[in-house]
Structures are given as C-alpha cells and as structure tokens.
Amino acid sequence: MSTCRLCAHAAAKGWWGPGARCGAHCGGCHRSWTAKAECHCTTCHRHFANYSAADLHLRTHGGGEQVEHLDPAKLRDRNGRAKLTADERGVWHQFKGERPAHWRGAA
C-alpha cells in the first residue's frame, strides 16, 4: 500500500507532523482538510461540505446492516436536478432553493 509523507510521519510519531496544515487526513486516499464542517467518506473517499450532504450518498439495505455508497453526481431530486454538486476542490455540496451562480450549468 502506498503512503504519503503525512501517513508515514503519523505511523512513526503518532501525529501528522510539523507543517502538516491539516485538521484531518485520510490514510486511504491521502486527502487532507481543515474545515470542521466537512465530512469525508472513508469507504468511497468522496468529500462533502457537511454531514447532510454526505448522508444523501448513503442507502441502507437489510434493516440497515448493508450500506451502499451512491455516486453523488447521479443523485437527482423529483424535478431531475442534481441534489449534490462538486466544487473546484471536489467537495460535494447540497443546495436548497436557488443555486449559486458558479453552480449554474453543472446539472
């Protein structure tokens, strides 16, 4: 398994290391982030603006014992509009009502 500088330092020292500039880091995909509200799925390695957005990509089966990770790009509302849209950093956002100008055309 490949590792990054942060993971190697954490394995040896128990912390991310000097100059890491990250609040959290995923050892599976090596993504780092500092925003406390953001949510990272450690199974499919998609990154979300908040827990509500992350919850939209999960479906449970078998009484909640099996979890399916859906592709956020394929999630649609009743009108066929995207429920989640990724920004330039690859963070998936949920929108309510009017979309911000930089999201227009993304659905």
Protein backbone atom coordinates (compact mmCIF):
# COMPACT_ATOMS: atom_id res chain seq x y z
CA MET A 1 0.00 0.00 0.00
CA SER A 2 1.37 3.39 -0.94
CA THR A 3 1.73 6.01 1.73
CA CYS A 4 2.27 9.74 1.83
CA ARG A 5 4.55 11.89 3.94
CA LEU A 6 1.78 12.61 6.45
CA CYS A 7 0.82 8.95 6.86
CA ALA A 8 4.45 7.89 7.23
CA HIS A 9 5.04 10.53 9.91
CA ALA A 10 1.81 9.61 11.72
CA ALA A 11 2.75 5.92 11.72
CA ALA A 12 6.15 6.67 13.21
CA LYS A 13 5.31 9.54 15.59
CA GLY A 14 1.56 9.36 16.26
CA TRP A 15 0.75 12.78 14.78
CA TRP A 16 0.70 14.42 11.34
CA GLY A 17 3.95 16.30 11.80
CA PRO A 18 5.21 19.87 11.69
CA GLY A 19 3.81 21.98 8.90
CA ALA A 20 1.07 19.47 8.13
CA ARG A 21 -1.55 22.24 7.93
CA CYS A 22 -4.38 19.76 8.17
CA GLY A 23 -7.04 19.16 10.74
CA ALA A 24 -7.79 15.72 9.37
CA HIS A 25 -6.25 13.37 6.85
CA CYS A 26 -7.46 10.16 5.18
CA GLY A 27 -4.92 7.34 5.14
CA GLY A 28 -6.80 5.66 2.30
CA CYS A 29 -6.83 8.44 -0.33
CA HIS A 30 -4.41 10.86 1.39
CA ARG A 31 -6.78 13.82 1.23
CA SER A 32 -6.28 16.45 3.94
CA TRP A 33 -8.74 19.11 5.08
CA THR A 34 -9.09 21.70 7.81
CA ALA A 35 -12.79 22.64 7.73
CA LYS A 36 -14.56 21.26 10.79
CA ALA A 37 -17.92 21.08 9.00
CA GLU A 38 -16.64 18.94 6.13
CA CYS A 39 -17.25 15.20 6.06
CA HIS A 40 -15.11 12.56 4.35
CA CYS A 41 -16.35 9.08 3.49
CA THR A 42 -13.53 6.68 4.35
CA THR A 43 -15.16 3.93 2.28
CA CYS A 44 -15.64 5.61 -1.11
CA HIS A 45 -13.30 8.57 -0.38
CA ARG A 46 -15.71 11.24 -1.55
CA HIS A 47 -15.61 14.52 0.35
CA PHE A 48 -18.70 16.51 1.40
CA ALA A 49 -19.37 20.04 2.64
CA ASN A 50 -21.30 18.71 5.65
CA TYR A 51 -22.89 15.59 7.14
CA SER A 52 -26.27 16.29 5.49
CA ALA A 53 -24.67 16.20 2.06
CA ALA A 54 -22.73 13.04 2.94
CA ASP A 55 -25.89 11.31 4.18
CA LEU A 56 -27.50 11.74 0.75
CA HIS A 57 -24.96 9.40 -0.84
CA LEU A 58 -25.74 6.53 1.55
CA ARG A 59 -28.54 3.95 1.20
CA THR A 60 -29.13 1.17 3.70
CA HIS A 61 -30.44 -2.30 2.92
CA GLY A 62 -31.27 -5.34 5.01
CA GLY A 63 -32.56 -3.45 8.01
CA GLY A 64 -29.59 -1.09 7.99
CA GLU A 65 -26.92 -3.79 8.06
CA GLN A 66 -25.74 -3.15 4.49
CA VAL A 67 -24.74 0.32 3.29
CA GLU A 68 -24.48 1.29 -0.36
CA HIS A 69 -22.43 4.33 -1.40
CA LEU A 70 -24.15 6.08 -4.31
CA ASP A 71 -22.42 8.27 -6.88
CA PRO A 72 -23.19 11.88 -5.82
CA ALA A 73 -23.15 13.00 -9.46
CA LYS A 74 -26.13 10.74 -10.21
CA LEU A 75 -28.39 11.79 -7.31
CA ARG A 76 -31.43 13.73 -8.56
CA ASP A 77 -34.44 15.42 -6.99
CA ARG A 78 -38.05 14.96 -8.20
CA ASN A 79 -37.50 17.54 -10.94
CA GLY A 80 -34.37 15.83 -12.26
CA ARG A 81 -31.96 18.42 -10.84
CA ALA A 82 -28.73 17.35 -9.18
CA LYS A 83 -29.02 17.03 -5.39
CA LEU A 84 -25.27 17.46 -4.95
CA THR A 85 -22.76 19.43 -6.98
CA ALA A 86 -18.97 19.29 -6.64
CA ASP A 87 -16.96 22.48 -6.40
CA GLU A 88 -13.50 23.05 -7.87
CA ARG A 89 -11.89 21.25 -4.89
CA GLY A 90 -14.01 18.14 -5.37
CA VAL A 91 -16.18 18.87 -2.33
CA TRP A 92 -19.82 17.83 -2.81
CA HIS A 93 -22.40 20.45 -1.73
CA GLN A 94 -26.15 20.17 -1.25
CA PHE A 95 -28.18 23.09 -2.48
CA LYS A 96 -31.54 24.35 -1.29
CA GLY A 97 -33.51 26.69 -3.49
CA GLU A 98 -31.58 28.94 -5.85
CA ARG A 99 -28.19 27.67 -6.93
CA PRO A 100 -25.15 29.91 -6.55
CA ALA A 101 -24.00 31.42 -9.85
CA HIS A 102 -20.89 29.21 -10.04
CA TRP A 103 -23.09 26.07 -9.93
CA ARG A 104 -25.32 27.01 -12.86
CA GLY A 105 -24.91 24.68 -15.78
CA ALA A 106 -23.46 21.93 -13.58
CA ALA A 107 -26.67 19.90 -13.53
